[in-house]
N, C-alpha and C. Protein backbone atom coordinates (compact mmCIF):
# COMPACT_ATOMS: atom_id res chain seq x y z
N MET A 1 -43.45 -12.80 -30.94
CA MET A 1 -41.45 -13.41 -31.07
C MET A 1 -40.81 -12.56 -29.93
N ALA A 2 -40.30 -12.39 -29.10
CA ALA A 2 -39.98 -11.51 -28.07
C ALA A 2 -39.09 -10.96 -29.45
N LEU A 3 -39.05 -9.20 -28.42
CA LEU A 3 -37.52 -9.06 -29.65
C LEU A 3 -36.63 -8.25 -29.12
N PRO A 4 -35.33 -8.22 -29.55
CA PRO A 4 -33.54 -7.96 -29.03
C PRO A 4 -33.42 -7.59 -28.28
N LEU A 5 -32.57 -7.56 -27.47
CA LEU A 5 -32.65 -7.14 -26.18
C LEU A 5 -31.74 -5.06 -27.23
N LEU A 6 -32.23 -4.23 -26.03
CA LEU A 6 -31.25 -3.03 -27.22
C LEU A 6 -30.14 -2.49 -26.44
N ALA A 7 -29.07 -3.56 -25.35
CA ALA A 7 -27.91 -3.46 -25.28
C ALA A 7 -27.44 -5.69 -24.90
N SER A 8 -26.36 -5.46 -25.16
CA SER A 8 -25.76 -7.01 -24.15
C SER A 8 -24.93 -7.07 -23.65
N VAL A 9 -25.03 -8.16 -23.40
CA VAL A 9 -24.42 -9.03 -21.88
C VAL A 9 -22.95 -8.13 -22.02
N GLU A 10 -22.35 -8.49 -23.04
CA GLU A 10 -21.02 -8.35 -23.08
C GLU A 10 -20.54 -6.74 -22.86
N GLU A 11 -21.83 -5.29 -23.25
CA GLU A 11 -21.36 -3.95 -23.38
C GLU A 11 -21.82 -4.09 -21.46
N LEU A 12 -22.38 -4.44 -21.40
CA LEU A 12 -23.60 -4.55 -19.52
C LEU A 12 -21.86 -4.38 -18.76
N LYS A 13 -21.07 -5.66 -19.52
CA LYS A 13 -20.03 -6.25 -18.18
C LYS A 13 -18.86 -5.16 -18.30
N ASP A 14 -19.06 -3.95 -19.44
CA ASP A 14 -17.79 -3.12 -19.96
C ASP A 14 -18.15 -1.69 -18.94
N TYR A 15 -19.92 -1.61 -19.09
CA TYR A 15 -20.19 -0.89 -18.86
C TYR A 15 -19.69 -0.55 -17.08
N LEU A 16 -20.26 -1.93 -16.80
CA LEU A 16 -20.02 -2.27 -15.08
C LEU A 16 -18.73 -1.94 -15.09
N GLN A 17 -17.79 -2.21 -15.63
CA GLN A 17 -16.71 -2.42 -15.53
C GLN A 17 -15.66 -3.91 -14.81
N GLN A 18 -16.95 -4.72 -14.95
CA GLN A 18 -16.27 -6.40 -14.69
C GLN A 18 -15.23 -6.33 -15.26
N THR A 19 -14.74 -7.15 -14.42
CA THR A 19 -13.04 -8.36 -15.28
C THR A 19 -13.53 -9.81 -15.39
N VAL A 20 -13.98 -10.20 -14.81
CA VAL A 20 -15.21 -11.21 -14.89
C VAL A 20 -16.49 -11.30 -15.36
N PRO A 21 -16.80 -12.33 -16.60
CA PRO A 21 -18.04 -12.43 -17.14
C PRO A 21 -19.30 -12.43 -15.82
N LEU A 22 -19.93 -11.64 -16.25
CA LEU A 22 -21.47 -11.90 -15.49
C LEU A 22 -22.30 -13.01 -15.43
N ALA A 23 -22.74 -13.02 -14.52
CA ALA A 23 -23.89 -14.53 -14.53
C ALA A 23 -24.85 -14.01 -15.60
N PRO A 24 -25.44 -15.39 -16.69
CA PRO A 24 -25.16 -14.44 -17.65
C PRO A 24 -27.33 -14.81 -17.52
N GLY A 25 -28.23 -14.97 -16.59
CA GLY A 25 -29.26 -15.00 -16.23
C GLY A 25 -29.95 -14.01 -16.30
N PRO A 26 -29.48 -13.21 -14.52
CA PRO A 26 -29.38 -12.17 -14.18
C PRO A 26 -28.96 -11.16 -15.37
N ALA A 27 -27.76 -10.98 -15.95
CA ALA A 27 -27.87 -10.06 -16.99
C ALA A 27 -28.76 -9.63 -18.16
N GLN A 28 -29.00 -11.05 -18.29
CA GLN A 28 -30.68 -11.05 -19.14
C GLN A 28 -31.43 -10.37 -18.99
N LEU A 29 -31.99 -10.73 -18.06
CA LEU A 29 -33.25 -10.18 -17.20
C LEU A 29 -33.22 -9.04 -16.91
N ALA A 30 -31.80 -8.11 -16.14
CA ALA A 30 -31.94 -6.77 -16.33
C ALA A 30 -31.91 -5.69 -18.23
N LEU A 31 -31.31 -6.65 -19.01
CA LEU A 31 -31.42 -5.47 -19.83
C LEU A 31 -33.10 -5.96 -20.71
N ARG A 32 -33.34 -7.13 -20.15
CA ARG A 32 -34.57 -7.29 -20.49
C ARG A 32 -35.52 -5.94 -20.29
N LEU A 33 -35.36 -5.93 -19.11
CA LEU A 33 -36.23 -4.76 -18.27
C LEU A 33 -36.58 -4.05 -18.49
N ALA A 34 -35.11 -3.39 -19.17
CA ALA A 34 -34.26 -2.25 -19.27
C ALA A 34 -35.41 -2.08 -20.63
N SER A 35 -34.67 -2.98 -21.32
CA SER A 35 -35.98 -3.06 -22.62
C SER A 35 -36.65 -2.76 -22.96
N ALA A 36 -37.35 -3.37 -22.40
CA ALA A 36 -39.12 -3.00 -21.80
C ALA A 36 -39.56 -1.78 -21.68
N ALA A 37 -38.66 -1.22 -20.89
CA ALA A 37 -39.22 0.04 -20.21
C ALA A 37 -38.80 1.22 -21.41
N ILE A 38 -37.72 1.08 -21.87
CA ILE A 38 -37.32 1.77 -22.98
C ILE A 38 -38.90 2.08 -24.25
N ARG A 39 -39.13 0.79 -24.47
CA ARG A 39 -39.91 0.09 -25.48
C ARG A 39 -41.84 1.16 -24.97
N ARG A 40 -41.75 0.91 -23.44
CA ARG A 40 -42.80 0.69 -23.30
C ARG A 40 -43.60 2.64 -23.26
N HIS A 41 -41.90 3.49 -22.90
CA HIS A 41 -42.12 4.48 -22.74
C HIS A 41 -42.06 5.79 -24.35
N THR A 42 -40.87 4.43 -25.68
CA THR A 42 -41.20 5.40 -26.49
C THR A 42 -42.75 5.34 -27.69
N LYS A 43 -43.19 3.71 -26.72
CA LYS A 43 -44.13 3.39 -27.93
C LYS A 43 -43.38 2.84 -29.51
N GLN A 44 -42.09 2.79 -29.18
CA GLN A 44 -41.51 2.25 -30.66
C GLN A 44 -41.05 0.98 -30.36
N THR A 45 -40.88 0.05 -31.43
CA THR A 45 -39.98 -1.22 -31.38
C THR A 45 -38.67 -1.32 -31.32
N ILE A 46 -38.05 0.26 -31.58
CA ILE A 46 -36.66 0.29 -31.71
C ILE A 46 -35.71 -0.69 -33.06
N SER A 47 -35.93 -1.93 -31.86
CA SER A 47 -34.61 -2.41 -33.20
C SER A 47 -35.50 -2.87 -34.68
N PHE A 48 -34.71 -3.45 -35.28
CA PHE A 48 -35.12 -3.32 -37.38
C PHE A 48 -36.55 -4.10 -37.08
N VAL A 49 -37.71 -4.07 -37.77
CA VAL A 49 -38.52 -5.50 -38.03
C VAL A 49 -38.98 -5.39 -39.70
N ALA A 50 -38.71 -6.22 -40.25
CA ALA A 50 -38.76 -6.05 -41.63
C ALA A 50 -40.48 -6.57 -41.96
N GLY A 51 -40.89 -5.76 -42.75
CA GLY A 51 -41.87 -6.32 -43.38
C GLY A 51 -43.12 -6.56 -42.22
N GLU A 52 -43.10 -5.49 -41.65
CA GLU A 52 -44.50 -5.78 -40.82
C GLU A 52 -46.02 -5.14 -41.50
N THR A 53 -46.92 -5.91 -41.51
CA THR A 53 -48.27 -5.79 -41.91
C THR A 53 -48.93 -5.05 -41.03
N ILE A 54 -49.72 -3.65 -41.49
CA ILE A 54 -50.77 -2.96 -40.45
C ILE A 54 -51.76 -2.59 -41.00
N THR A 55 -53.03 -2.88 -40.52
CA THR A 55 -54.50 -1.79 -40.94
C THR A 55 -54.76 -0.54 -39.90
N THR A 56 -54.35 0.77 -40.56
CA THR A 56 -53.95 2.15 -40.46
C THR A 56 -55.51 2.60 -40.82
N MET A 57 -56.03 3.18 -39.70
CA MET A 57 -57.39 4.08 -40.06
C MET A 57 -56.40 5.76 -40.22
N GLY A 58 -57.65 5.82 -42.18
CA GLY A 58 -57.46 7.28 -42.83
C GLY A 58 -57.89 7.95 -42.72
N GLY A 59 -58.37 8.80 -44.02
CA GLY A 59 -59.78 9.44 -43.61
C GLY A 59 -59.35 11.09 -43.64
N GLU A 60 -57.82 11.23 -43.56
CA GLU A 60 -57.09 12.38 -43.84
C GLU A 60 -56.19 12.85 -44.64
N ARG A 61 -55.39 13.87 -44.93
CA ARG A 61 -54.39 13.76 -46.11
C ARG A 61 -53.28 12.94 -45.55
N VAL A 62 -52.97 13.16 -44.92
CA VAL A 62 -51.99 13.11 -44.03
C VAL A 62 -51.70 11.56 -43.66
N LEU A 63 -51.48 10.56 -43.50
CA LEU A 63 -50.98 9.21 -42.79
C LEU A 63 -49.92 8.89 -42.12
N ARG A 64 -50.28 8.51 -41.30
CA ARG A 64 -48.67 9.03 -40.12
C ARG A 64 -48.55 7.43 -39.39
N LEU A 65 -47.49 6.44 -39.94
CA LEU A 65 -47.14 5.06 -39.34
C LEU A 65 -46.66 5.16 -38.71
N PRO A 66 -46.92 4.28 -37.46
CA PRO A 66 -46.66 4.01 -36.09
C PRO A 66 -45.17 3.97 -35.60
N GLN A 67 -44.41 3.52 -36.59
CA GLN A 67 -42.81 3.15 -36.10
C GLN A 67 -42.19 3.82 -36.82
N ARG A 68 -41.07 4.42 -35.82
CA ARG A 68 -39.90 5.04 -36.88
C ARG A 68 -38.16 4.23 -36.41
N PRO A 69 -38.09 4.72 -37.75
CA PRO A 69 -37.67 5.25 -38.76
C PRO A 69 -37.82 4.08 -39.90
N VAL A 70 -39.05 4.50 -40.71
CA VAL A 70 -39.89 3.81 -42.12
C VAL A 70 -38.61 3.70 -42.66
N VAL A 71 -38.09 2.53 -42.85
CA VAL A 71 -36.88 1.88 -44.08
C VAL A 71 -37.30 1.19 -45.47
N VAL A 72 -37.10 1.87 -46.83
CA VAL A 72 -37.78 1.67 -47.80
C VAL A 72 -36.29 1.65 -48.64
N ASP A 73 -36.38 0.18 -49.23
CA ASP A 73 -35.39 0.20 -50.13
C ASP A 73 -35.10 -0.77 -51.25
N ALA A 74 -34.64 -1.46 -51.92
CA ALA A 74 -34.53 -2.26 -53.17
C ALA A 74 -35.16 -3.81 -52.21
N ASP A 75 -34.54 -3.74 -50.50
CA ASP A 75 -34.31 -4.77 -50.25
C ASP A 75 -35.87 -5.05 -49.04
N ASN A 76 -36.75 -3.45 -48.69
CA ASN A 76 -37.89 -3.11 -47.76
C ASN A 76 -38.55 -2.52 -48.67
N PRO A 77 -39.51 -2.71 -49.56
CA PRO A 77 -40.53 -1.96 -50.32
C PRO A 77 -41.55 -1.43 -48.78
N LEU A 78 -42.21 -0.83 -49.76
CA LEU A 78 -43.43 0.27 -48.96
C LEU A 78 -44.57 -0.36 -49.78
N THR A 79 -45.52 -1.25 -49.13
CA THR A 79 -47.12 -1.19 -49.50
C THR A 79 -48.21 -1.04 -49.19
N VAL A 80 -48.47 -0.02 -49.71
CA VAL A 80 -49.99 0.43 -49.74
C VAL A 80 -51.11 0.34 -50.42
N VAL A 81 -51.97 -0.25 -49.13
CA VAL A 81 -53.29 -0.40 -49.97
C VAL A 81 -54.19 0.04 -49.34
N GLU A 82 -55.62 0.52 -50.41
CA GLU A 82 -56.57 0.99 -49.28
C GLU A 82 -57.95 0.41 -49.72
N LEU A 83 -58.46 0.62 -48.20
CA LEU A 83 -59.64 -0.14 -48.34
C LEU A 83 -60.37 -0.26 -48.33
N VAL A 84 -61.72 -0.61 -49.30
CA VAL A 84 -63.09 0.15 -49.96
C VAL A 84 -63.92 0.01 -48.82
N ASP A 85 -65.05 0.43 -48.26
CA ASP A 85 -65.91 0.15 -47.80
C ASP A 85 -65.60 -1.44 -47.10
N ALA A 86 -66.89 -1.88 -47.18
CA ALA A 86 -67.28 -3.72 -46.57
C ALA A 86 -67.22 -4.82 -48.10
N SER A 87 -67.07 -3.67 -49.04
CA SER A 87 -66.88 -4.84 -50.94
C SER A 87 -65.49 -5.35 -50.67
N GLY A 88 -64.62 -5.29 -49.71
CA GLY A 88 -63.61 -5.91 -50.24
C GLY A 88 -62.76 -5.81 -51.38
N LEU A 89 -62.40 -4.21 -51.91
CA LEU A 89 -62.02 -3.58 -53.34
C LEU A 89 -60.85 -3.52 -52.23
N GLU A 90 -59.52 -3.43 -52.90
CA GLU A 90 -58.42 -2.88 -52.21
C GLU A 90 -57.66 -2.31 -53.30
N ILE A 91 -57.33 -0.92 -53.02
CA ILE A 91 -56.48 -0.01 -54.63
C ILE A 91 -55.25 0.18 -53.75
N PRO A 92 -53.95 -0.29 -54.33
CA PRO A 92 -52.79 0.12 -54.62
C PRO A 92 -52.54 1.85 -54.29
N ALA A 93 -52.01 1.49 -53.92
CA ALA A 93 -51.33 3.46 -53.86
C ALA A 93 -49.72 3.25 -53.77
N ILE A 94 -49.69 3.87 -54.61
CA ILE A 94 -47.99 3.78 -55.31
C ILE A 94 -47.01 5.44 -54.90
N GLU A 95 -46.13 5.27 -53.98
CA GLU A 95 -45.50 6.22 -53.94
C GLU A 95 -44.85 7.10 -54.81
N GLU A 96 -44.71 8.70 -55.05
CA GLU A 96 -44.11 9.46 -56.21
C GLU A 96 -46.10 9.53 -57.39
N ARG A 97 -47.10 8.55 -56.71
CA ARG A 97 -47.59 8.95 -57.90
C ARG A 97 -49.60 9.03 -57.08
N ASP A 98 -49.29 8.19 -56.39
CA ASP A 98 -50.46 8.76 -56.00
C ASP A 98 -50.29 9.61 -54.32
N PHE A 99 -49.33 9.35 -53.52
CA PHE A 99 -48.47 9.83 -52.24
C PHE A 99 -47.53 10.15 -52.90
N LEU A 100 -47.04 10.92 -51.22
CA LEU A 100 -45.73 11.42 -51.13
C LEU A 100 -45.00 10.69 -49.39
N ARG A 101 -43.98 10.82 -49.41
CA ARG A 101 -43.20 10.00 -48.38
C ARG A 101 -42.56 11.27 -47.67
N TYR A 102 -42.58 11.65 -46.11
CA TYR A 102 -41.92 12.68 -46.22
C TYR A 102 -41.91 11.65 -44.85
N GLY A 103 -40.58 10.83 -44.06
CA GLY A 103 -40.01 10.51 -43.08
C GLY A 103 -41.25 9.11 -42.71
N SER A 104 -42.16 8.91 -41.33
CA SER A 104 -43.31 8.53 -41.56
C SER A 104 -44.75 8.84 -41.86
N GLU A 105 -44.46 10.11 -42.28
CA GLU A 105 -45.76 10.15 -42.82
C GLU A 105 -46.05 10.38 -44.13
N LEU A 106 -46.67 9.95 -44.95
CA LEU A 106 -47.36 9.83 -46.24
C LEU A 106 -48.62 10.49 -46.57
N HIS A 107 -48.24 11.43 -47.37
CA HIS A 107 -48.95 13.14 -48.02
C HIS A 107 -49.98 12.63 -49.11
N ARG A 108 -50.98 13.02 -48.86
CA ARG A 108 -51.59 13.07 -50.38
C ARG A 108 -51.57 14.14 -50.34
N GLY A 109 -52.45 14.84 -51.71
CA GLY A 109 -51.96 16.11 -52.64
C GLY A 109 -52.86 17.03 -52.44
N GLN A 110 -52.36 18.42 -52.07
CA GLN A 110 -53.21 19.94 -51.79
C GLN A 110 -54.51 19.78 -52.84
N ALA A 111 -55.62 20.41 -52.60
CA ALA A 111 -56.13 20.77 -53.45
C ALA A 111 -56.16 21.08 -54.43
N TRP A 112 -55.01 22.36 -54.45
CA TRP A 112 -55.47 22.99 -56.19
C TRP A 112 -52.50 22.85 -55.91
N PRO A 113 -52.54 22.72 -56.97
CA PRO A 113 -53.00 22.00 -58.21
C PRO A 113 -53.00 20.66 -58.35
N GLN A 114 -54.26 20.99 -59.15
CA GLN A 114 -55.28 19.13 -59.44
C GLN A 114 -53.51 18.14 -59.68
N SER A 115 -53.76 16.91 -59.35
CA SER A 115 -52.65 15.67 -59.21
C SER A 115 -53.31 14.43 -58.93
N ARG A 116 -52.63 13.57 -59.46
CA ARG A 116 -53.09 12.54 -58.82
C ARG A 116 -52.65 12.33 -57.50
N LEU A 117 -52.07 12.73 -56.90
CA LEU A 117 -52.02 12.54 -55.66
C LEU A 117 -53.27 12.95 -54.73
N MET A 118 -54.19 13.48 -55.54
CA MET A 118 -55.62 13.23 -54.87
C MET A 118 -56.09 12.74 -54.11
N GLY A 119 -56.17 11.13 -54.54
CA GLY A 119 -56.73 10.25 -53.84
C GLY A 119 -57.22 9.39 -54.85
N PHE A 120 -58.00 8.28 -54.74
CA PHE A 120 -58.69 7.50 -55.03
C PHE A 120 -59.40 6.39 -54.45
N PRO A 121 -60.68 6.06 -54.78
CA PRO A 121 -61.16 6.47 -55.46
C PRO A 121 -62.03 7.62 -55.89
N ARG A 122 -62.28 8.07 -57.05
CA ARG A 122 -62.47 9.64 -57.06
C ARG A 122 -63.53 10.05 -56.08
N ARG A 123 -64.77 8.93 -56.12
CA ARG A 123 -65.63 9.71 -55.32
C ARG A 123 -65.17 9.83 -53.39
N TYR A 124 -63.91 9.95 -53.25
CA TYR A 124 -63.60 10.41 -51.77
C TYR A 124 -62.63 11.23 -51.80
N PRO A 125 -63.12 12.40 -50.81
CA PRO A 125 -62.88 13.60 -50.70
C PRO A 125 -61.15 14.07 -51.42
N ALA A 126 -61.10 15.27 -52.14
CA ALA A 126 -59.85 14.70 -52.63
C ALA A 126 -58.88 15.34 -51.74
N GLY A 127 -57.91 14.56 -51.88
CA GLY A 127 -56.52 14.67 -51.46
C GLY A 127 -56.75 13.82 -49.77
N ILE A 128 -57.79 12.89 -49.61
CA ILE A 128 -57.80 11.98 -48.13
C ILE A 128 -57.44 10.52 -48.64
N TRP A 129 -57.17 10.19 -47.59
CA TRP A 129 -57.36 8.56 -47.95
C TRP A 129 -58.55 8.09 -47.48
N ALA A 130 -59.02 6.94 -48.21
CA ALA A 130 -59.65 5.66 -47.78
C ALA A 130 -59.79 5.92 -46.54
N ASP A 131 -60.83 5.65 -46.20
CA ASP A 131 -60.90 4.99 -44.49
C ASP A 131 -60.06 4.49 -43.32
N ARG A 132 -59.53 2.95 -44.22
CA ARG A 132 -58.82 2.32 -43.90
C ARG A 132 -57.54 1.96 -45.13
N VAL A 133 -56.24 1.42 -44.31
CA VAL A 133 -55.40 1.18 -44.88
C VAL A 133 -54.50 0.44 -44.83
N LYS A 134 -54.03 -0.62 -45.45
CA LYS A 134 -52.97 -1.50 -45.20
C LYS A 134 -52.21 -1.37 -45.66
N VAL A 135 -50.90 -1.44 -44.51
CA VAL A 135 -49.67 -0.68 -45.24
C VAL A 135 -48.45 -1.84 -44.61
N THR A 136 -47.68 -2.16 -45.53
CA THR A 136 -46.63 -2.91 -45.09
C THR A 136 -45.11 -2.13 -45.38
N TYR A 137 -44.31 -2.39 -43.98
CA TYR A 137 -43.29 -2.00 -44.33
C TYR A 137 -42.56 -2.11 -43.10
N SER A 138 -41.03 -1.50 -43.30
CA SER A 138 -40.21 -2.04 -42.54
C SER A 138 -39.86 -1.20 -41.53
N HIS A 139 -39.20 -1.11 -40.67
CA HIS A 139 -38.94 -0.43 -40.00
C HIS A 139 -37.84 -0.39 -38.43
N GLY A 140 -37.30 0.90 -37.54
CA GLY A 140 -36.14 0.75 -37.13
C GLY A 140 -35.11 0.94 -36.96
N TYR A 141 -33.74 0.61 -36.66
CA TYR A 141 -32.87 0.48 -36.52
C TYR A 141 -32.13 -0.70 -36.59
N GLU A 142 -31.27 -1.08 -37.49
CA GLU A 142 -30.31 -1.93 -37.49
C GLU A 142 -29.24 -1.96 -36.14
N GLU A 143 -28.33 -1.17 -36.21
CA GLU A 143 -28.01 -0.74 -35.81
C GLU A 143 -28.56 0.35 -34.61
N ILE A 144 -28.38 -0.20 -33.12
CA ILE A 144 -29.25 0.88 -32.28
C ILE A 144 -28.64 2.02 -31.81
N PRO A 145 -29.50 3.02 -32.08
CA PRO A 145 -28.18 4.14 -31.59
C PRO A 145 -27.70 4.41 -30.01
N ASP A 146 -26.91 4.96 -29.91
CA ASP A 146 -25.97 4.68 -28.33
C ASP A 146 -26.79 5.24 -27.50
N GLU A 147 -27.57 6.70 -27.69
CA GLU A 147 -27.77 6.82 -26.43
C GLU A 147 -29.06 5.92 -26.18
N ILE A 148 -29.49 5.03 -26.80
CA ILE A 148 -31.00 3.95 -26.09
C ILE A 148 -29.88 3.29 -25.43
N VAL A 149 -29.02 2.70 -26.48
CA VAL A 149 -27.64 1.38 -25.20
C VAL A 149 -27.29 1.94 -24.47
N GLY A 150 -27.23 3.99 -24.00
CA GLY A 150 -26.30 3.76 -22.72
C GLY A 150 -28.33 3.81 -21.64
N ILE A 151 -29.08 4.18 -22.13
CA ILE A 151 -30.47 4.01 -21.53
C ILE A 151 -30.53 2.91 -20.94
N ALA A 152 -29.99 1.87 -21.75
CA ALA A 152 -30.51 0.34 -21.44
C ALA A 152 -29.52 0.05 -20.49
N LEU A 153 -28.04 0.15 -20.75
CA LEU A 153 -27.53 -0.26 -19.75
C LEU A 153 -27.12 0.72 -18.24
N ASP A 154 -27.86 1.31 -18.12
CA ASP A 154 -27.59 2.26 -17.40
C ASP A 154 -28.91 1.68 -16.17
N LEU A 155 -30.01 1.63 -16.67
CA LEU A 155 -31.19 0.81 -15.96
C LEU A 155 -31.05 -0.58 -15.61
N ALA A 156 -30.14 -1.35 -16.59
CA ALA A 156 -29.51 -2.67 -16.29
C ALA A 156 -28.69 -2.81 -15.07
N ALA A 157 -28.36 -2.01 -15.18
CA ALA A 157 -26.68 -1.52 -14.06
C ALA A 157 -27.36 -1.03 -12.50
N ALA A 158 -28.24 -0.32 -13.13
CA ALA A 158 -28.93 -0.23 -11.61
C ALA A 158 -29.97 -1.11 -10.41
N SER A 159 -30.06 -2.29 -11.75
CA SER A 159 -31.40 -3.44 -11.40
C SER A 159 -30.31 -4.37 -10.91
N MET A 160 -28.81 -4.91 -11.53
CA MET A 160 -27.90 -5.16 -11.44
C MET A 160 -27.17 -4.79 -10.02
N SER A 161 -27.13 -3.63 -9.60
CA SER A 161 -26.34 -3.65 -8.30
C SER A 161 -26.79 -3.20 -7.70
N ASN A 162 -28.55 -3.09 -7.20
CA ASN A 162 -29.87 -2.91 -6.61
C ASN A 162 -31.05 -3.72 -6.26
N PRO A 163 -30.91 -4.77 -6.30
CA PRO A 163 -31.97 -5.22 -7.06
C PRO A 163 -33.21 -5.27 -6.37
N ARG A 164 -32.92 -4.91 -5.03
CA ARG A 164 -34.32 -5.25 -3.90
C ARG A 164 -34.58 -3.86 -3.41
N ARG A 165 -34.08 -3.07 -4.55
CA ARG A 165 -34.81 -1.57 -5.06
C ARG A 165 -34.65 -0.94 -2.99
N LEU A 166 -33.29 -1.18 -2.70
CA LEU A 166 -33.31 -0.43 -1.23
C LEU A 166 -32.61 0.89 -1.04
N ARG A 167 -32.42 2.12 -0.19
CA ARG A 167 -31.93 3.46 -0.47
C ARG A 167 -30.72 3.24 0.26
N SER A 168 -30.52 2.59 1.49
CA SER A 168 -29.13 2.36 1.56
C SER A 168 -29.59 0.74 2.67
N GLU A 169 -28.22 -0.10 2.53
CA GLU A 169 -28.40 -0.89 3.11
C GLU A 169 -26.14 -0.82 3.96
N SER A 170 -26.76 -2.27 4.99
CA SER A 170 -25.24 -1.98 5.51
C SER A 170 -24.80 -3.42 6.05
N SER A 171 -24.04 -3.29 5.68
CA SER A 171 -23.21 -4.92 6.10
C SER A 171 -21.67 -4.97 7.00
N GLY A 172 -21.88 -5.18 8.64
CA GLY A 172 -20.62 -4.71 9.05
C GLY A 172 -20.72 -3.26 9.39
N ALA A 173 -19.50 -2.73 9.44
CA ALA A 173 -19.56 -1.56 9.48
C ALA A 173 -19.64 -0.71 8.29
N VAL A 174 -19.67 -1.61 7.01
CA VAL A 174 -19.33 -0.66 5.95
C VAL A 174 -20.93 -0.33 5.39
N SER A 175 -21.32 1.10 5.22
CA SER A 175 -23.12 1.05 5.36
C SER A 175 -22.88 1.24 3.42
N VAL A 176 -23.63 1.26 2.72
CA VAL A 176 -23.83 1.80 1.70
C VAL A 176 -25.43 2.82 0.90
N THR A 177 -25.52 4.12 0.74
CA THR A 177 -26.46 4.66 0.76
C THR A 177 -27.07 5.05 -0.90
N TYR A 178 -27.82 4.10 -2.08
CA TYR A 178 -28.28 4.74 -3.40
C TYR A 178 -28.75 5.75 -3.87
N THR A 179 -28.24 6.18 -5.08
CA THR A 179 -28.61 7.14 -5.51
C THR A 179 -30.34 7.22 -5.70
N VAL A 180 -30.81 8.17 -6.18
CA VAL A 180 -32.01 8.14 -6.32
C VAL A 180 -32.29 7.59 -7.78
N GLU A 181 -31.35 7.54 -8.69
CA GLU A 181 -31.43 6.97 -9.92
C GLU A 181 -31.46 5.85 -9.52
N THR A 182 -30.80 4.71 -8.32
CA THR A 182 -30.74 3.55 -8.29
C THR A 182 -31.29 2.82 -7.64
N PHE A 183 -32.32 3.61 -6.90
CA PHE A 183 -33.28 3.33 -6.27
C PHE A 183 -34.08 3.14 -6.50
N GLY A 184 -34.75 3.93 -7.98
CA GLY A 184 -35.97 3.67 -9.20
C GLY A 184 -35.63 2.84 -10.00
N THR A 185 -35.01 1.56 -9.62
CA THR A 185 -34.73 0.25 -10.87
C THR A 185 -35.41 0.43 -11.50
N GLY A 186 -35.21 -0.45 -12.96
CA GLY A 186 -35.87 -0.12 -13.78
C GLY A 186 -36.80 0.73 -14.14
N SER A 187 -37.08 1.81 -13.54
CA SER A 187 -37.65 3.06 -13.85
C SER A 187 -36.46 4.64 -14.87
N LEU A 188 -37.15 4.70 -15.57
CA LEU A 188 -36.76 5.93 -16.13
C LEU A 188 -36.71 7.23 -15.30
N THR A 189 -35.32 7.76 -15.77
CA THR A 189 -35.34 8.72 -15.21
C THR A 189 -35.06 10.38 -15.97
N SER A 190 -35.68 11.40 -15.53
CA SER A 190 -36.05 12.94 -15.70
C SER A 190 -35.34 13.25 -17.39
N ASP A 191 -34.15 12.43 -17.13
CA ASP A 191 -32.45 12.47 -17.70
C ASP A 191 -32.81 11.82 -19.08
N HIS A 192 -33.06 10.15 -18.49
CA HIS A 192 -33.89 9.63 -19.57
C HIS A 192 -34.52 9.69 -20.28
N ARG A 193 -35.22 10.59 -19.92
CA ARG A 193 -36.59 11.00 -20.64
C ARG A 193 -36.64 11.96 -21.68
N ALA A 194 -35.45 12.52 -21.38
CA ALA A 194 -35.05 13.95 -22.21
C ALA A 194 -34.78 13.30 -23.03
N MET A 195 -33.74 12.30 -22.63
CA MET A 195 -33.02 11.76 -23.81
C MET A 195 -33.76 10.78 -24.92
N LEU A 196 -34.43 10.64 -24.81
CA LEU A 196 -35.42 9.75 -25.59
C LEU A 196 -37.20 10.48 -26.42
N ARG A 197 -36.78 12.03 -25.80
CA ARG A 197 -37.87 12.68 -25.95
C ARG A 197 -38.22 12.48 -28.07
N ASP A 198 -36.57 12.48 -28.53
CA ASP A 198 -36.63 12.20 -30.27
C ASP A 198 -37.87 10.98 -30.19
N PHE A 199 -37.36 9.91 -30.24
CA PHE A 199 -38.11 8.54 -30.21
C PHE A 199 -38.96 7.95 -29.97
N LYS A 200 -39.74 8.86 -28.92
CA LYS A 200 -40.73 8.99 -28.63
C LYS A 200 -42.30 8.92 -29.78
N ARG A 201 -43.39 8.04 -29.83
CA ARG A 201 -44.47 8.13 -30.59
C ARG A 201 -45.66 8.95 -29.33
N SER A 202 -46.27 10.14 -30.33
CA SER A 202 -47.24 10.54 -29.02
C SER A 202 -48.56 9.54 -29.11
N THR A 203 -48.92 9.28 -28.52
CA THR A 203 -50.48 8.77 -28.40
C THR A 203 -51.63 8.73 -29.45
N LEU A 204 -51.04 10.48 -30.01
CA LEU A 204 -52.35 10.79 -31.16
C LEU A 204 -51.75 10.87 -32.28
N SER A 205 -50.42 10.32 -32.18
CA SER A 205 -49.80 10.39 -33.79
C SER A 205 -50.45 9.21 -34.90
N VAL A 206 -51.00 8.00 -34.28
CA VAL A 206 -51.45 7.35 -35.36
C VAL A 206 -52.97 6.73 -34.63
N ARG A 207 -53.52 6.11 -35.29
CA ARG A 207 -55.16 5.50 -35.29
C ARG A 207 -55.13 4.00 -35.72
N LEU A 208 -54.41 3.13 -34.85
CA LEU A 208 -54.55 1.85 -35.59
C LEU A 208 -56.33 1.27 -35.77
N SER A 209 -56.86 0.38 -36.29
CA SER A 209 -57.63 -0.21 -36.96
C SER A 209 -58.23 -1.14 -35.68
């Protein structure tokens, strides 16, 4: 299923200060490519996704979920199940009983003091998740942050204004020289990357099985 655009055609029209409607095909394509570039860089879906199920590797005290922010409420429960060996045995883990959640991290208990956060079954080392854990959770933003909308519009505007990725072009007596940012159509600039730093996931922050 295709993910939603990170900005709308109407927002792109306003960003370009257009008084007439944009051609929907090229505008949507530019926004789709811009959205893909942002998601590829951050390794995040960013848009809200409800009830996604993943199987991730455990074996440590902290289990890091790959997508942020994690959304947990009455409509979006967090379900965590430890997968034990190859027997098919599944052991549910309950928040506040078997683990504590800090943002996108699920923490088991420290070795001292003893508590039910130590991990189950008991034959596992104290406070360590099973080797594989199945998690069903919701994540992302129902309202896309302004920083991300701005970057998507910036990239899409560059694609719309300079689709052939030229440094300069002339028409009769008129010559236009594009900026370095515009020349890099569809590419994130250093400023873009700096703005996305807080949204980016490290390649080492999660291990999928």
